[in-house]
Amino acid sequence: MVATLAFFWLIVRAKIEALELTPQVEQAVYKHLLPGLYLHLVAEKMEPAAQKHVLQKRSEELLAPLRVRDGPLSDLEPEEVAIVEQVALECAQVFQRSSSCVEGRNGQLALHHHRLHRISSQKLAALNTVHNYFVKRGDDTTAAERFFGVKPRDLFEWVLDRVDLPGRPAEKRAQPQRKRYLLTAASW
């Protein structure tokens, strides 16, 4: 998440600095325009109307100081204001797209669900078991170990104890000689 935020701010700073704005206008973009546009984008995606209206109201509150006659953008030409707004909107959309990495386990399951459309309850239980008992973090601990405070038995050994291994496969049989219809064996 830290790397995502660092990437986002690196992109935003590069785009805003490329506009060569005055410090006052640049500060207004960071303090009002970016958060206001971001909240507007989020509000458009909200389901419950009450939450949507709260975010839209906060977005309007953030954007209001920029719309006043003597506001920080009043010295800019309308074309310049349009460019600043477009760049800020692009920056807000970058954060929209990049924030999906924090979805965690539910996001991972959603990707499986999207690919397969239906995950059977058995497969879901198996995926949860692998996630909780086999996948390890950088500190070499599993989710189950962090939750219970005790290192669980090795998952692979546990599965081997409970699964009957299949028998050896049958030996390959000799393939019958293929009959040639056009060429005889002597002509080769």
Foldseek 3Di string as FASTA:
>chain_A
DVVLVVVLVVLLCVLLVVLVDDPLVSVLLVQALLQLLLLLVVLVPDDDVVVSVVSPVVSCVSCVQVPDCPHSCNVDDPVSVVVSNVSSNVSSVSSVVSVLVPPPPVSVVVVVCVVVVDDDPVNVVVVVCCQQQPDADPVRAGNVCVVVVHRDDHPVVVVVVPDDDDDDDDDDDDDDDDDDDPDDPVVD
